[in-house]
Amino acid sequence: MASFSLPSVMLPLLLITLSSMSYNIDLVDARHLLEATVPEIPKPGLPKFELPPLPQIPKPELPEIPKPELPKKPEVPEIPKPELPKMPELPEIPKLEVPKGLEVPELPKPELPKVPELPSFPHLPELPKPTFPAIPSLPKEIPTHLTSNP
């Protein structure tokens, strides 16, 4: 026989009640954050910073360096272009003639056996095309309403 005890029912109800209370508190806090006005804090301006003038340093004079002369390029003797030997002419190959006695006889075409005719199927009546209900069109702009939960 099953027994029914009150504490076994109360604990789950208590947990559900406490979790729903904390959920509503989060919503209220979020609404307060959205509606709260925050005063604007002025941004501090930075003062302009000026660098002191740098002292003038005289430029050092560099002595002139003479350009070295490069030696002349040695002359390379010209190499004569090699001449390729001429290709020998190939002798003409006579065309081979097939003797008339070795002709391949023509084979007769084989006749295909006739395919038996298939029995005819009974005539099926034409069924009318089904008509579907019209699909309602959705509006292009969907109105959005802001609802508040008091």
C-alpha atoms as a PDB file:
ATOM      1  CA  MET A   1       0.000   0.000   0.000  1.00  0.00           C
ATOM      2  CA  ALA A   2       1.333   3.438  -0.941  1.00  0.00           C
ATOM      3  CA  SER A   3       1.858   5.983   1.786  1.00  0.00           C
ATOM      4  CA  PHE A   4       1.386   9.720   1.333  1.00  0.00           C
ATOM      5  CA  SER A   5       3.501  12.046   3.427  1.00  0.00           C
ATOM      6  CA  LEU A   6       3.289  15.813   3.461  1.00  0.00           C
ATOM      7  CA  PRO A   7       7.082  16.571   3.676  1.00  0.00           C
ATOM      8  CA  SER A   8       7.777  14.631   0.462  1.00  0.00           C
ATOM      9  CA  VAL A   9       5.420  16.985  -1.421  1.00  0.00           C
ATOM     10  CA  MET A  10       6.470  20.195   0.318  1.00  0.00           C
ATOM     11  CA  LEU A  11      10.162  20.071  -0.589  1.00  0.00           C
ATOM     12  CA  PRO A  12       9.655  20.148  -4.414  1.00  0.00           C
ATOM     13  CA  LEU A  13       7.003  22.864  -4.058  1.00  0.00           C
ATOM     14  CA  LEU A  14       9.355  24.938  -1.933  1.00  0.00           C
ATOM     15  CA  LEU A  15      12.161  24.579  -4.491  1.00  0.00           C
ATOM     16  CA  ILE A  16       9.904  25.592  -7.388  1.00  0.00           C
ATOM     17  CA  THR A  17       8.589  28.592  -5.450  1.00  0.00           C
ATOM     18  CA  LEU A  18      12.070  29.847  -4.522  1.00  0.00           C
ATOM     19  CA  SER A  19      13.421  29.439  -8.065  1.00  0.00           C
ATOM     20  CA  SER A  20      10.494  31.363  -9.580  1.00  0.00           C
ATOM     21  CA  MET A  21      10.977  34.172  -7.029  1.00  0.00           C
ATOM     22  CA  SER A  22      14.638  34.575  -7.974  1.00  0.00           C
ATOM     23  CA  TYR A  23      13.703  34.647 -11.666  1.00  0.00           C
ATOM     24  CA  ASN A  24      11.280  37.546 -11.137  1.00  0.00           C
ATOM     25  CA  ILE A  25      13.893  39.474  -9.142  1.00  0.00           C
ATOM     26  CA  ASP A  26      16.310  39.233 -12.074  1.00  0.00           C
ATOM     27  CA  LEU A  27      13.686  40.665 -14.429  1.00  0.00           C
ATOM     28  CA  VAL A  28      12.938  43.554 -12.090  1.00  0.00           C
ATOM     29  CA  ASP A  29      16.652  44.343 -11.705  1.00  0.00           C
ATOM     30  CA  ALA A  30      17.106  44.304 -15.472  1.00  0.00           C
ATOM     31  CA  ARG A  31      14.188  46.686 -15.936  1.00  0.00           C
ATOM     32  CA  HIS A  32      15.640  49.044 -13.329  1.00  0.00           C
ATOM     33  CA  LEU A  33      18.972  49.028 -15.147  1.00  0.00           C
ATOM     34  CA  LEU A  34      17.276  49.895 -18.442  1.00  0.00           C
ATOM     35  CA  GLU A  35      15.170  52.689 -16.973  1.00  0.00           C
ATOM     36  CA  ALA A  36      17.850  54.211 -14.752  1.00  0.00           C
ATOM     37  CA  THR A  37      19.435  57.457 -15.953  1.00  0.00           C
ATOM     38  CA  VAL A  38      23.140  57.806 -15.461  1.00  0.00           C
ATOM     39  CA  PRO A  39      24.592  61.319 -15.182  1.00  0.00           C
ATOM     40  CA  GLU A  40      27.178  62.110 -17.825  1.00  0.00           C
ATOM     41  CA  ILE A  41      30.707  62.408 -16.549  1.00  0.00           C
ATOM     42  CA  PRO A  42      32.696  65.142 -18.278  1.00  0.00           C
ATOM     43  CA  LYS A  43      35.805  63.884 -19.985  1.00  0.00           C
ATOM     44  CA  PRO A  44      38.918  65.585 -18.710  1.00  0.00           C
ATOM     45  CA  GLY A  45      40.857  67.402 -21.379  1.00  0.00           C
ATOM     46  CA  LEU A  46      44.564  66.787 -21.648  1.00  0.00           C
ATOM     47  CA  PRO A  47      46.834  69.850 -21.622  1.00  0.00           C
ATOM     48  CA  LYS A  48      48.882  70.490 -24.731  1.00  0.00           C
ATOM     49  CA  PHE A  49      52.432  69.337 -24.323  1.00  0.00           C
ATOM     50  CA  GLU A  50      55.124  71.374 -26.073  1.00  0.00           C
ATOM     51  CA  LEU A  51      58.599  70.002 -26.621  1.00  0.00           C
ATOM     52  CA  PRO A  52      61.531  72.300 -25.873  1.00  0.00           C
ATOM     53  CA  PRO A  53      63.559  73.280 -28.949  1.00  0.00           C
ATOM     54  CA  LEU A  54      66.478  70.976 -29.712  1.00  0.00           C
ATOM     55  CA  PRO A  55      69.983  72.467 -29.780  1.00  0.00           C
ATOM     56  CA  GLN A  56      71.531  72.943 -33.232  1.00  0.00           C
ATOM     57  CA  ILE A  57      74.482  70.629 -33.923  1.00  0.00           C
ATOM     58  CA  PRO A  58      76.872  71.553 -36.755  1.00  0.00           C
ATOM     59  CA  LYS A  59      77.083  68.988 -39.534  1.00  0.00           C
ATOM     60  CA  PRO A  60      80.507  67.316 -39.829  1.00  0.00           C
ATOM     61  CA  GLU A  61      82.342  67.720 -43.133  1.00  0.00           C
ATOM     62  CA  LEU A  62      83.381  64.452 -44.739  1.00  0.00           C
ATOM     63  CA  PRO A  63      86.509  64.283 -46.897  1.00  0.00           C
ATOM     64  CA  GLU A  64      85.985  63.354 -50.523  1.00  0.00           C
ATOM     65  CA  ILE A  65      86.886  59.796 -51.427  1.00  0.00           C
ATOM     66  CA  PRO A  66      88.157  59.225 -54.995  1.00  0.00           C
ATOM     67  CA  LYS A  67      86.219  56.711 -57.032  1.00  0.00           C
ATOM     68  CA  PRO A  68      88.229  53.575 -57.800  1.00  0.00           C
ATOM     69  CA  GLU A  69      88.655  52.705 -61.447  1.00  0.00           C
ATOM     70  CA  LEU A  70      87.467  49.268 -62.434  1.00  0.00           C
ATOM     71  CA  PRO A  71      89.653  47.154 -64.712  1.00  0.00           C
ATOM     72  CA  LYS A  72      88.433  46.658 -68.266  1.00  0.00           C
ATOM     73  CA  LYS A  73      86.554  43.494 -69.074  1.00  0.00           C
ATOM     74  CA  PRO A  74      88.638  40.901 -70.841  1.00  0.00           C
ATOM     75  CA  GLU A  75      87.562  40.137 -74.353  1.00  0.00           C
ATOM     76  CA  VAL A  76      86.108  36.667 -74.823  1.00  0.00           C
ATOM     77  CA  PRO A  77      86.966  35.036 -78.142  1.00  0.00           C
ATOM     78  CA  GLU A  78      83.975  34.227 -80.297  1.00  0.00           C
ATOM     79  CA  ILE A  79      83.124  30.570 -80.584  1.00  0.00           C
ATOM     80  CA  PRO A  80      81.988  29.472 -84.040  1.00  0.00           C
ATOM     81  CA  LYS A  81      78.455  28.115 -84.209  1.00  0.00           C
ATOM     82  CA  PRO A  82      78.416  24.348 -84.729  1.00  0.00           C
ATOM     83  CA  GLU A  83      76.824  23.146 -87.906  1.00  0.00           C
ATOM     84  CA  LEU A  84      74.627  20.082 -87.721  1.00  0.00           C
ATOM     85  CA  PRO A  85      75.114  17.400 -90.343  1.00  0.00           C
ATOM     86  CA  LYS A  86      72.340  17.102 -92.882  1.00  0.00           C
ATOM     87  CA  MET A  87      69.783  14.376 -92.328  1.00  0.00           C
ATOM     88  CA  PRO A  88      70.083  11.519 -94.793  1.00  0.00           C
ATOM     89  CA  GLU A  89      67.104  11.160 -97.082  1.00  0.00           C
ATOM     90  CA  LEU A  90      64.926   8.171 -96.331  1.00  0.00           C
ATOM     91  CA  PRO A  91      64.106   5.881 -99.222  1.00  0.00           C
ATOM     92  CA  GLU A  92      60.468   5.816-100.270  1.00  0.00           C
ATOM     93  CA  ILE A  93      58.549   2.788 -99.054  1.00  0.00           C
ATOM     94  CA  PRO A  94      56.335   1.207-101.720  1.00  0.00           C
ATOM     95  CA  LYS A  95      52.670   0.817-100.834  1.00  0.00           C
ATOM     96  CA  LEU A  96      51.619  -2.708-100.047  1.00  0.00           C
ATOM     97  CA  GLU A  97      48.836  -4.095-102.129  1.00  0.00           C
ATOM     98  CA  VAL A  98      46.488  -6.706-100.707  1.00  0.00           C
ATOM     99  CA  PRO A  99      46.035  -9.612-103.077  1.00  0.00           C
ATOM    100  CA  LYS A 100      42.462 -10.014-104.300  1.00  0.00           C
ATOM    101  CA  GLY A 101      42.263 -13.670-103.328  1.00  0.00           C
ATOM    102  CA  LEU A 102      42.557 -12.880 -99.600  1.00  0.00           C
ATOM    103  CA  GLU A 103      39.474 -10.695 -99.275  1.00  0.00           C
ATOM    104  CA  VAL A 104      37.336 -11.256 -96.179  1.00  0.00           C
ATOM    105  CA  PRO A 105      33.896 -12.614 -97.093  1.00  0.00           C
ATOM    106  CA  GLU A 106      30.880 -10.695 -95.745  1.00  0.00           C
ATOM    107  CA  LEU A 107      29.017 -12.484 -92.996  1.00  0.00           C
ATOM    108  CA  PRO A 108      25.217 -12.523 -93.058  1.00  0.00           C
ATOM    109  CA  LYS A 109      23.508 -10.503 -90.343  1.00  0.00           C
ATOM    110  CA  PRO A 110      21.937 -12.712 -87.683  1.00  0.00           C
ATOM    111  CA  GLU A 111      18.185 -12.412 -87.299  1.00  0.00           C
ATOM    112  CA  LEU A 112      16.910 -11.490 -83.862  1.00  0.00           C
ATOM    113  CA  PRO A 113      14.125 -13.621 -82.411  1.00  0.00           C
ATOM    114  CA  LYS A 114      10.760 -11.918 -82.061  1.00  0.00           C
ATOM    115  CA  VAL A 115       9.835 -10.708 -78.595  1.00  0.00           C
ATOM    116  CA  PRO A 116       6.451 -11.974 -77.426  1.00  0.00           C
ATOM    117  CA  GLU A 117       3.863  -9.250 -76.912  1.00  0.00           C
ATOM    118  CA  LEU A 118       3.005  -8.304 -73.355  1.00  0.00           C
ATOM    119  CA  PRO A 119      -0.597  -8.584 -72.229  1.00  0.00           C
ATOM    120  CA  SER A 120      -2.423  -5.269 -72.104  1.00  0.00           C
ATOM    121  CA  PHE A 121      -3.181  -3.712 -68.721  1.00  0.00           C
ATOM    122  CA  PRO A 122      -6.746  -2.772 -67.800  1.00  0.00           C
ATOM    123  CA  HIS A 123      -7.633   0.842 -68.439  1.00  0.00           C
ATOM    124  CA  LEU A 124      -7.450   2.924 -65.225  1.00  0.00           C
ATOM    125  CA  PRO A 125     -10.006   5.706 -64.814  1.00  0.00           C
ATOM    126  CA  GLU A 126      -8.654   9.257 -64.685  1.00  0.00           C
ATOM    127  CA  LEU A 127      -8.744  10.727 -61.219  1.00  0.00           C
ATOM    128  CA  PRO A 128      -9.597  14.404 -60.750  1.00  0.00           C
ATOM    129  CA  LYS A 129      -6.766  16.665 -59.626  1.00  0.00           C
ATOM    130  CA  PRO A 130      -6.944  17.379 -55.899  1.00  0.00           C
ATOM    131  CA  THR A 131      -7.635  20.968 -54.872  1.00  0.00           C
ATOM    132  CA  PHE A 132      -5.711  22.277 -51.895  1.00  0.00           C
ATOM    133  CA  PRO A 133      -6.920  25.066 -49.618  1.00  0.00           C
ATOM    134  CA  ALA A 134      -5.354  28.472 -50.222  1.00  0.00           C
ATOM    135  CA  ILE A 135      -2.440  29.338 -47.954  1.00  0.00           C
ATOM    136  CA  PRO A 136      -3.005  32.665 -46.188  1.00  0.00           C
ATOM    137  CA  SER A 137      -0.291  35.223 -46.816  1.00  0.00           C
ATOM    138  CA  LEU A 138       1.582  36.755 -43.904  1.00  0.00           C
ATOM    139  CA  PRO A 139       1.732  40.547 -43.541  1.00  0.00           C
ATOM    140  CA  LYS A 140       5.032  42.112 -44.584  1.00  0.00           C
ATOM    141  CA  GLU A 141       5.403  44.056 -41.338  1.00  0.00           C
ATOM    142  CA  ILE A 142       4.801  42.184 -38.139  1.00  0.00           C
ATOM    143  CA  PRO A 143       3.750  44.534 -35.312  1.00  0.00           C
ATOM    144  CA  THR A 144       5.845  44.235 -32.194  1.00  0.00           C
ATOM    145  CA  HIS A 145       4.367  45.290 -28.863  1.00  0.00           C
ATOM    146  CA  LEU A 146       6.444  45.961 -25.818  1.00  0.00           C
ATOM    147  CA  THR A 147       4.719  44.454 -22.845  1.00  0.00           C
ATOM    148  CA  SER A 148       5.764  45.095 -19.294  1.00  0.00           C
ATOM    149  CA  ASN A 149       5.287  42.584 -16.560  1.00  0.00           C
ATOM    150  CA  PRO A 150       4.178  44.446 -13.375  1.00  0.00           C
END
